[in-house]
Amino acid sequence: MKILVMLCLILNLACASAVRAAEQQLSVSKSVYTLAQLLESALAQNEAVSSARSRAEAMVWAVKQSKAFQNPRGRFSLGRKTVESAEGSLFEAEISQPIFFPGKKKIRTRLAELDAEASRHRQSKIESDVAQEVAELAYDHAIFQKKLDFAEKRLQRMTLVKSYLQGHVFASPQKQAERSVVEYRLMDLSAEKIKAESELVKIRERIGVLVNIEGNSEIDVQVPWLAGTRAVNEDQWKAGILAKNPDLLEQKLSVLAAKAQNSLDFREAWPDVEATLFVGQESAGEMEKTAGGGLSMPLPVFNRNRSGAARSGLNARAEAELLALEEKKLSAGIKILLMEIRASRELVRLYPMSLISSLEKDVGAAESEFRKGRADLLIYLELEDEVAETYDHCLEAQKSLADSLTHLFTMAGDKDFSPELVQY
């Protein structure tokens, strides 16, 4: 019977080795991407980024257009004129040039410049959002890949344990309960494996949308695992985010634009003028020539744009109030994020990635002792369960710190943060 059990164990080990070899061969054909490569590809190819970049470039032309003068208008006419019995030719020519009321053109140009600058901040915001999502998905992919690999190793170990138990006839209730525990554990591990595979497919699809990679292609994402050794300079980051945050900068421009619009609305009470030059000639009877010029303008009698100025004044106040609110929300968000980073650093230092190798050694040693009959099955299963829980803690700590740091970088408008991320 012992010989049969040993043969079963050897056969299972051989099958497991063959499966691992096949998986390693398959992984060779995977496309490998680093976090820096994914960020670079997303910022260069993502449609949302390209669209924002095109809109920002379009606003540059809008600024140039706002500086252009209005086109002059011309009038030319020929005809015949009769005065009593005399008849002759008639010629008239006129050219007029609209002229903005002083200050209007400058304010309109300023409004276009503010809109162009706001579009650049919107572009920066979109780039930061895309970079943050790419980084989060990259860590999700790397973590779920590790979870899948770990679940497969646990399945192999439980399968070997089940094979060992099947080679023995257990009559006692405790032994039968132990066999049931192993069978239920196998079911749970199979479910974990299925979930991890499903999550990896979903993550690949989302990465493919952001960086133009086929979602069904096999990829391997390499991310920097964090050590939690470097502390964040909180005062420096607070000042940097308040000075560079794209949302806050855009809201500041909205306040300036609202004030400029209010100033323009006050000037709209005074109409634009039109300068005119004209010449004419008549030859009916005696030759007559005329020439002159003048100014024309609407008279601000019935409409002095008071309602428009009042409306834009209230809009300016509303934008200023929103700016104050955005500053409060951003300051609170910075405090919360820095607190999360401190907690995540402690977790990473408590559960470093270097701990994983020792976990695998511990569970491997316990498995060997169990097969030799020197360790109880339930003790081995309990250790295996604790190892799995600690393994998850290591990955969750990495995910928490990476997401928090990525959010910190993007709040300051930093998009290419992978070199700095490694330092934490």
Protein backbone atom coordinates (compact mmCIF):
# COMPACT_ATOMS: atom_id res chain seq x y z
CA MET A 1 0.00 0.00 0.00
CA LYS A 2 2.82 2.41 0.84
CA ILE A 3 4.44 1.68 -2.51
CA LEU A 4 1.14 2.49 -4.26
CA VAL A 5 0.85 5.75 -2.38
CA MET A 6 4.40 6.73 -3.27
CA LEU A 7 3.76 5.93 -6.93
CA CYS A 8 0.65 8.13 -6.87
CA LEU A 9 2.61 10.98 -5.33
CA ILE A 10 5.40 10.64 -7.87
CA LEU A 11 2.88 10.61 -10.72
CA ASN A 12 1.16 13.73 -9.42
CA LEU A 13 4.46 15.50 -9.00
CA ALA A 14 5.42 14.60 -12.56
CA CYS A 15 2.10 15.91 -13.88
CA ALA A 16 2.47 19.12 -11.90
CA SER A 17 5.99 19.61 -13.23
CA ALA A 18 4.75 19.06 -16.77
CA VAL A 19 2.01 21.63 -16.28
CA ARG A 20 4.47 24.18 -14.87
CA ALA A 21 6.83 23.57 -17.80
CA ALA A 22 3.99 24.11 -20.26
CA GLU A 23 2.98 27.32 -18.48
CA GLN A 24 6.56 28.57 -18.54
CA GLN A 25 6.77 27.84 -22.25
CA LEU A 26 3.51 29.72 -22.80
CA SER A 27 4.73 32.68 -20.74
CA VAL A 28 7.70 33.01 -23.09
CA SER A 29 5.28 33.98 -25.87
CA LYS A 30 3.62 36.67 -23.73
CA SER A 31 4.24 40.30 -24.52
CA VAL A 32 6.03 41.86 -21.55
CA TYR A 33 5.23 45.46 -20.61
CA THR A 34 6.73 47.55 -17.86
CA LEU A 35 4.75 50.24 -16.10
CA ALA A 36 6.84 52.93 -17.82
CA GLN A 37 6.09 51.43 -21.25
CA LEU A 38 2.36 51.30 -20.56
CA LEU A 39 2.33 54.92 -19.39
CA GLU A 40 4.31 56.08 -22.41
CA SER A 41 2.05 54.18 -24.80
CA ALA A 42 -1.13 55.47 -23.18
CA LEU A 43 -0.03 59.11 -23.24
CA ALA A 44 1.03 58.77 -26.89
CA GLN A 45 -1.87 56.73 -28.29
CA ASN A 46 -4.92 57.07 -26.06
CA GLU A 47 -7.82 58.69 -27.92
CA ALA A 48 -8.95 60.79 -24.95
CA VAL A 49 -5.46 62.26 -24.62
CA SER A 50 -5.21 62.89 -28.36
CA SER A 51 -8.62 64.57 -28.34
CA ALA A 52 -7.66 66.84 -25.44
CA ARG A 53 -4.39 67.69 -27.16
CA SER A 54 -6.22 68.61 -30.37
CA ARG A 55 -8.68 70.79 -28.46
CA ALA A 56 -5.80 72.60 -26.76
CA GLU A 57 -4.12 73.19 -30.12
CA ALA A 58 -7.41 74.45 -31.55
CA MET A 59 -7.65 77.07 -28.83
CA VAL A 60 -4.27 78.48 -29.90
CA TRP A 61 -5.85 79.33 -33.23
CA ALA A 62 -8.83 80.82 -31.44
CA VAL A 63 -6.47 83.23 -29.65
CA LYS A 64 -4.91 84.25 -32.96
CA GLN A 65 -8.34 84.74 -34.47
CA SER A 66 -9.41 86.96 -31.57
CA LYS A 67 -6.57 89.36 -32.40
CA ALA A 68 -7.69 89.85 -36.00
CA PHE A 69 -9.35 93.09 -37.09
CA GLN A 70 -12.79 93.10 -38.63
CA ASN A 71 -12.90 93.24 -42.39
CA PRO A 72 -13.80 96.59 -43.98
CA ARG A 73 -17.00 96.89 -45.99
CA GLY A 74 -17.12 98.48 -49.41
CA ARG A 75 -19.89 99.79 -51.65
CA PHE A 76 -19.63 100.74 -55.33
CA SER A 77 -22.42 101.90 -57.65
CA LEU A 78 -22.84 103.21 -61.22
CA GLY A 79 -25.94 104.71 -62.79
CA ARG A 80 -27.60 107.46 -64.81
CA LYS A 81 -29.00 110.69 -63.45
CA THR A 82 -31.48 113.09 -65.06
CA VAL A 83 -31.94 116.69 -63.93
CA GLU A 84 -34.75 118.37 -65.94
CA SER A 85 -33.56 118.01 -69.53
CA ALA A 86 -29.95 117.23 -68.64
CA GLU A 87 -28.81 113.62 -68.35
CA GLY A 88 -25.51 112.20 -67.27
CA SER A 89 -23.67 109.46 -65.42
CA LEU A 90 -23.57 108.77 -61.70
CA PHE A 91 -20.72 107.17 -59.77
CA GLU A 92 -20.47 106.48 -56.04
CA ALA A 93 -17.92 104.56 -53.92
CA GLU A 94 -17.78 104.03 -50.18
CA ILE A 95 -15.58 102.09 -47.75
CA SER A 96 -16.23 101.64 -44.03
CA GLN A 97 -14.23 100.08 -41.24
CA PRO A 98 -15.85 98.81 -38.00
CA ILE A 99 -13.83 99.86 -34.94
CA PHE A 100 -14.28 98.24 -31.54
CA PHE A 101 -14.93 100.44 -28.56
CA PRO A 102 -11.58 100.91 -26.74
CA GLY A 103 -10.74 97.92 -24.54
CA LYS A 104 -13.24 95.44 -26.01
CA LYS A 105 -10.83 93.74 -28.38
CA LYS A 106 -8.17 93.40 -25.69
CA ILE A 107 -10.66 91.79 -23.29
CA ARG A 108 -11.93 89.38 -25.96
CA THR A 109 -8.36 88.37 -26.67
CA ARG A 110 -7.77 87.89 -22.95
CA LEU A 111 -10.86 85.68 -22.72
CA ALA A 112 -9.56 83.56 -25.60
CA GLU A 113 -6.15 83.27 -23.92
CA LEU A 114 -7.76 82.18 -20.64
CA ASP A 115 -9.85 79.60 -22.48
CA ALA A 116 -6.73 78.30 -24.24
CA GLU A 117 -4.86 78.03 -20.94
CA ALA A 118 -7.84 76.26 -19.37
CA SER A 119 -7.88 73.78 -22.24
CA ARG A 120 -4.22 72.98 -21.51
CA HIS A 121 -5.10 72.29 -17.89
CA ARG A 122 -7.99 70.09 -19.04
CA GLN A 123 -5.52 68.23 -21.24
CA SER A 124 -3.19 67.80 -18.26
CA LYS A 125 -6.11 66.54 -16.16
CA ILE A 126 -7.09 63.96 -18.78
CA GLU A 127 -3.47 62.82 -19.15
CA SER A 128 -3.17 62.48 -15.37
CA ASP A 129 -6.44 60.53 -15.15
CA VAL A 130 -5.34 58.15 -17.92
CA ALA A 131 -1.91 57.69 -16.30
CA GLN A 132 -3.50 56.98 -12.93
CA GLU A 133 -5.91 54.42 -14.39
CA VAL A 134 -3.10 52.73 -16.33
CA ALA A 135 -0.96 52.47 -13.19
CA GLU A 136 -3.83 51.08 -11.13
CA LEU A 137 -4.64 48.50 -13.81
CA ALA A 138 -0.95 47.57 -14.13
CA TYR A 139 -0.74 46.79 -10.41
CA ASP A 140 -4.10 44.99 -10.57
CA HIS A 141 -2.79 42.80 -13.38
CA ALA A 142 0.49 42.03 -11.61
CA ILE A 143 -1.28 41.25 -8.33
CA PHE A 144 -3.98 39.03 -9.82
CA GLN A 145 -1.33 37.22 -11.83
CA LYS A 146 0.47 36.46 -8.56
CA LYS A 147 -2.83 35.41 -6.98
CA LEU A 148 -3.49 33.09 -9.90
CA ASP A 149 0.00 31.56 -9.69
CA PHE A 150 -0.34 31.12 -5.93
CA ALA A 151 -3.80 29.55 -6.27
CA GLU A 152 -2.41 27.08 -8.81
CA LYS A 153 0.43 26.14 -6.44
CA ARG A 154 -2.04 25.64 -3.61
CA LEU A 155 -4.22 23.51 -5.86
CA GLN A 156 -1.23 21.34 -6.70
CA ARG A 157 -0.40 20.92 -3.01
CA MET A 158 -3.98 20.07 -2.06
CA THR A 159 -4.22 17.65 -4.98
CA LEU A 160 -1.15 15.84 -3.67
CA VAL A 161 -2.63 15.76 -0.19
CA LYS A 162 -5.87 14.37 -1.55
CA SER A 163 -3.96 11.69 -3.46
CA TYR A 164 -2.13 10.77 -0.28
CA LEU A 165 -5.38 10.50 1.64
CA GLN A 166 -6.99 8.38 -1.05
CA GLY A 167 -4.23 5.82 -0.56
CA HIS A 168 -5.30 5.28 3.05
CA VAL A 169 -8.51 3.85 4.43
CA PHE A 170 -9.76 6.12 7.18
CA ALA A 171 -12.33 4.65 9.49
CA SER A 172 -12.21 7.19 12.30
CA PRO A 173 -14.53 10.23 12.20
CA GLN A 174 -11.55 12.59 12.52
CA LYS A 175 -9.83 11.16 9.45
CA GLN A 176 -13.04 11.32 7.45
CA ALA A 177 -13.46 14.96 8.54
CA GLU A 178 -9.90 15.68 7.45
CA ARG A 179 -10.64 14.26 3.99
CA SER A 180 -13.74 16.46 3.76
CA VAL A 181 -11.72 19.51 4.77
CA VAL A 182 -9.25 18.82 1.95
CA GLU A 183 -12.03 18.34 -0.60
CA TYR A 184 -13.73 21.59 0.41
CA ARG A 185 -10.37 23.37 0.31
CA LEU A 186 -9.88 22.12 -3.25
CA MET A 187 -13.29 23.53 -4.21
CA ASP A 188 -12.44 26.90 -2.69
CA LEU A 189 -9.07 27.04 -4.42
CA SER A 190 -10.63 26.15 -7.76
CA ALA A 191 -13.07 29.02 -7.29
CA GLU A 192 -10.21 31.40 -6.45
CA LYS A 193 -8.37 30.31 -9.58
CA ILE A 194 -11.44 30.89 -11.74
CA LYS A 195 -12.02 34.34 -10.23
CA ALA A 196 -8.39 35.34 -10.73
CA GLU A 197 -8.48 34.23 -14.37
CA SER A 198 -11.70 36.17 -14.91
CA GLU A 199 -10.28 39.31 -13.32
CA LEU A 200 -7.15 39.09 -15.47
CA VAL A 201 -9.26 38.94 -18.63
CA LYS A 202 -11.23 42.02 -17.56
CA ILE A 203 -8.07 43.91 -16.62
CA ARG A 204 -6.44 43.10 -19.98
CA GLU A 205 -9.49 44.39 -21.81
CA ARG A 206 -9.39 47.66 -19.89
CA ILE A 207 -5.63 48.02 -20.43
CA GLY A 208 -6.16 47.34 -24.13
CA VAL A 209 -8.62 50.23 -24.36
CA LEU A 210 -6.16 52.64 -22.75
CA VAL A 211 -2.96 51.62 -24.54
CA ASN A 212 -4.31 50.08 -27.76
CA ILE A 213 -3.38 46.48 -26.97
CA GLU A 214 -5.61 43.65 -28.08
CA GLY A 215 -7.59 42.64 -25.02
CA ASN A 216 -7.42 38.91 -25.79
CA SER A 217 -3.62 38.94 -26.19
CA GLU A 218 -1.48 37.38 -23.49
CA ILE A 219 0.56 40.02 -21.69
CA ASP A 220 2.81 40.12 -18.69
CA VAL A 221 2.92 43.38 -16.74
CA GLN A 222 5.96 44.17 -14.63
CA VAL A 223 5.56 46.76 -11.90
CA PRO A 224 7.99 48.02 -9.26
CA TRP A 225 7.25 46.45 -5.90
CA LEU A 226 7.44 49.04 -3.16
CA ALA A 227 9.48 48.81 0.02
CA GLY A 228 7.83 51.64 1.97
CA THR A 229 11.21 52.94 3.11
CA ARG A 230 10.94 56.50 1.80
CA ALA A 231 8.66 58.89 3.64
CA VAL A 232 6.64 61.52 1.82
CA ASN A 233 7.62 65.15 2.40
CA GLU A 234 4.11 66.23 3.32
CA ASP A 235 4.65 70.01 3.39
CA GLN A 236 6.39 69.94 0.03
CA TRP A 237 3.63 67.86 -1.54
CA LYS A 238 0.88 70.06 -0.12
CA ALA A 239 2.47 73.17 -1.61
CA GLY A 240 3.15 71.43 -4.91
CA ILE A 241 -0.39 70.12 -5.32
CA LEU A 242 -2.00 73.45 -4.44
CA ALA A 243 0.25 75.11 -7.03
CA LYS A 244 -0.03 72.52 -9.82
CA ASN A 245 -3.35 70.70 -9.46
CA PRO A 246 -5.07 70.89 -12.89
CA ASP A 247 -8.60 71.16 -11.50
CA LEU A 248 -7.67 73.98 -9.15
CA LEU A 249 -5.75 75.84 -11.84
CA GLU A 250 -8.68 75.56 -14.23
CA GLN A 251 -11.05 76.91 -11.59
CA LYS A 252 -8.73 79.87 -10.98
CA LEU A 253 -8.87 80.61 -14.69
CA SER A 254 -12.67 80.37 -14.56
CA VAL A 255 -12.65 83.13 -11.94
CA LEU A 256 -10.41 85.32 -14.10
CA ALA A 257 -12.53 84.63 -17.17
CA ALA A 258 -15.75 85.52 -15.33
CA LYS A 259 -14.25 88.82 -14.16
CA ALA A 260 -13.04 89.60 -17.68
CA GLN A 261 -16.49 88.82 -19.07
CA ASN A 262 -18.03 91.17 -16.52
CA SER A 263 -15.64 93.93 -17.59
CA LEU A 264 -16.56 93.28 -21.23
CA ASP A 265 -20.27 93.41 -20.47
CA PHE A 266 -19.85 96.84 -18.89
CA ARG A 267 -18.13 98.02 -22.07
CA GLU A 268 -20.90 96.53 -24.21
CA ALA A 269 -23.05 99.46 -23.04
CA TRP A 270 -20.93 101.59 -25.34
CA PRO A 271 -21.40 100.56 -28.96
CA ASP A 272 -18.72 100.02 -31.57
CA VAL A 273 -18.28 102.74 -34.16
CA GLU A 274 -17.88 102.56 -37.90
CA ALA A 275 -15.59 104.96 -39.81
CA THR A 276 -16.65 105.70 -43.39
CA LEU A 277 -14.94 107.31 -46.42
CA PHE A 278 -16.89 108.02 -49.58
CA VAL A 279 -16.46 109.62 -53.02
CA GLY A 280 -18.99 110.39 -55.76
CA GLN A 281 -19.33 112.04 -59.14
CA GLU A 282 -22.32 113.26 -61.17
CA SER A 283 -22.27 114.54 -64.79
CA ALA A 284 -25.91 115.54 -65.30
CA GLY A 285 -25.51 119.17 -66.30
CA GLU A 286 -22.50 120.56 -64.55
CA MET A 287 -19.92 118.10 -63.27
CA GLU A 288 -20.24 117.52 -59.51
CA LYS A 289 -17.80 115.68 -57.30
CA THR A 290 -18.26 114.73 -53.67
CA ALA A 291 -15.86 113.28 -51.08
CA GLY A 292 -15.96 112.94 -47.34
CA GLY A 293 -16.07 110.70 -44.34
CA GLY A 294 -17.83 110.14 -41.06
CA LEU A 295 -18.55 107.99 -38.07
CA SER A 296 -21.69 106.01 -37.33
CA MET A 297 -22.76 104.16 -34.20
CA PRO A 298 -25.87 102.84 -32.47
CA LEU A 299 -27.13 105.16 -29.76
CA PRO A 300 -27.23 103.50 -26.32
CA VAL A 301 -30.69 104.73 -25.49
CA PHE A 302 -32.84 101.65 -24.94
CA ASN A 303 -30.17 99.04 -24.16
CA ARG A 304 -27.05 99.67 -22.08
CA ASN A 305 -26.51 95.96 -21.24
CA ARG A 306 -27.10 96.51 -17.54
CA SER A 307 -28.74 93.09 -17.14
CA GLY A 308 -25.84 91.41 -18.93
CA ALA A 309 -23.33 93.13 -16.65
CA ALA A 310 -25.32 92.14 -13.55
CA ARG A 311 -25.51 88.53 -14.75
CA SER A 312 -21.76 88.26 -15.41
CA GLY A 313 -21.05 89.93 -12.06
CA LEU A 314 -23.01 87.22 -10.26
CA ASN A 315 -21.26 84.56 -12.35
CA ALA A 316 -17.90 85.96 -11.24
CA ARG A 317 -18.99 85.74 -7.60
CA ALA A 318 -20.21 82.16 -8.15
CA GLU A 319 -16.89 81.11 -9.71
CA ALA A 320 -14.97 82.67 -6.80
CA GLU A 321 -17.12 80.73 -4.32
CA LEU A 322 -16.49 77.51 -6.26
CA LEU A 323 -12.76 78.25 -6.15
CA ALA A 324 -12.87 78.58 -2.36
CA LEU A 325 -14.76 75.29 -2.15
CA GLU A 326 -12.29 73.54 -4.48
CA GLU A 327 -9.39 74.71 -2.34
CA LYS A 328 -11.05 73.36 0.81
CA LYS A 329 -11.86 70.03 -0.83
CA LEU A 330 -8.37 69.72 -2.25
CA SER A 331 -6.73 70.53 1.09
CA ALA A 332 -8.90 67.93 2.83
CA GLY A 333 -8.19 65.40 0.10
CA ILE A 334 -4.45 65.95 0.48
CA LYS A 335 -4.63 65.35 4.24
CA ILE A 336 -6.65 62.16 3.77
CA LEU A 337 -4.34 60.89 1.04
CA LEU A 338 -1.20 61.56 3.08
CA MET A 339 -2.75 59.71 6.02
CA GLU A 340 -3.51 56.76 3.73
CA ILE A 341 0.06 56.79 2.46
CA ARG A 342 1.44 56.70 6.00
CA ALA A 343 -0.79 53.73 6.86
CA SER A 344 0.05 51.94 3.60
CA ARG A 345 3.77 52.41 4.21
CA GLU A 346 3.44 50.76 7.60
CA LEU A 347 1.55 47.85 6.04
CA VAL A 348 4.17 47.42 3.30
CA ARG A 349 6.94 47.41 5.89
CA LEU A 350 4.95 44.90 7.97
CA TYR A 351 4.20 42.70 4.94
CA PRO A 352 7.11 43.22 2.51
CA MET A 353 7.20 41.33 -0.79
CA SER A 354 10.39 39.65 0.38
CA LEU A 355 8.21 37.80 2.90
CA ILE A 356 6.60 35.77 0.10
CA SER A 357 9.64 33.59 -0.51
CA SER A 358 9.87 32.66 3.18
CA LEU A 359 6.14 31.89 3.22
CA GLU A 360 6.55 29.45 0.36
CA LYS A 361 9.51 27.84 2.12
CA ASP A 362 7.51 27.44 5.34
CA VAL A 363 4.53 25.82 3.65
CA GLY A 364 6.85 23.60 1.57
CA ALA A 365 8.63 22.42 4.71
CA ALA A 366 5.31 21.73 6.45
CA GLU A 367 4.10 19.75 3.44
CA SER A 368 7.27 17.66 3.48
CA GLU A 369 6.85 16.96 7.20
CA PHE A 370 3.24 15.97 6.63
CA ARG A 371 4.16 13.50 3.91
CA LYS A 372 6.74 11.98 6.27
CA GLY A 373 4.08 11.58 8.91
CA ARG A 374 5.73 13.98 11.34
CA ALA A 375 3.09 16.73 11.10
CA ASP A 376 -0.65 16.51 11.66
CA LEU A 377 -2.85 17.24 8.64
CA LEU A 378 -4.99 19.85 10.38
CA ILE A 379 -1.87 21.67 11.59
CA TYR A 380 -0.53 21.67 8.03
CA LEU A 381 -3.86 22.95 6.65
CA GLU A 382 -3.99 25.68 9.27
CA LEU A 383 -0.46 26.78 8.41
CA GLU A 384 -1.28 26.70 4.72
CA ASP A 385 -4.33 28.87 5.33
CA GLU A 386 -2.32 31.37 7.40
CA VAL A 387 0.33 31.53 4.70
CA ALA A 388 -2.34 32.28 2.09
CA GLU A 389 -3.81 35.04 4.24
CA THR A 390 -0.39 36.61 4.81
CA TYR A 391 0.32 36.33 1.09
CA ASP A 392 -2.86 38.32 0.38
CA HIS A 393 -1.83 40.92 2.97
CA CYS A 394 1.48 41.42 1.13
CA LEU A 395 -0.29 42.01 -2.18
CA GLU A 396 -3.00 44.22 -0.71
CA ALA A 397 -0.39 46.40 1.01
CA GLN A 398 1.38 46.88 -2.31
CA LYS A 399 -1.86 47.77 -4.06
CA SER A 400 -2.86 50.25 -1.36
CA LEU A 401 0.48 52.09 -1.33
CA ALA A 402 0.83 52.09 -5.13
CA ASP A 403 -2.68 53.49 -5.65
CA SER A 404 -2.19 56.17 -2.99
CA LEU A 405 1.18 57.28 -4.38
CA THR A 406 -0.15 57.27 -7.93
CA HIS A 407 -3.05 59.46 -6.83
CA LEU A 408 -0.60 61.80 -5.09
CA PHE A 409 1.49 62.17 -8.24
CA THR A 410 -1.49 62.81 -10.51
CA MET A 411 -2.99 65.36 -8.10
CA ALA A 412 0.15 67.41 -8.73
CA GLY A 413 -0.24 66.97 -12.49
CA ASP A 414 2.65 64.47 -12.74
CA LYS A 415 2.05 61.94 -15.52
CA ASP A 416 5.42 60.21 -15.96
CA PHE A 417 5.85 59.13 -12.36
CA SER A 418 7.21 55.58 -12.77
CA PRO A 419 10.87 56.55 -12.10
CA GLU A 420 9.91 58.32 -8.88
CA LEU A 421 7.48 55.59 -7.82
CA VAL A 422 10.33 53.09 -7.61
CA GLN A 423 11.99 55.16 -4.88
CA TYR A 424 9.14 54.53 -2.45
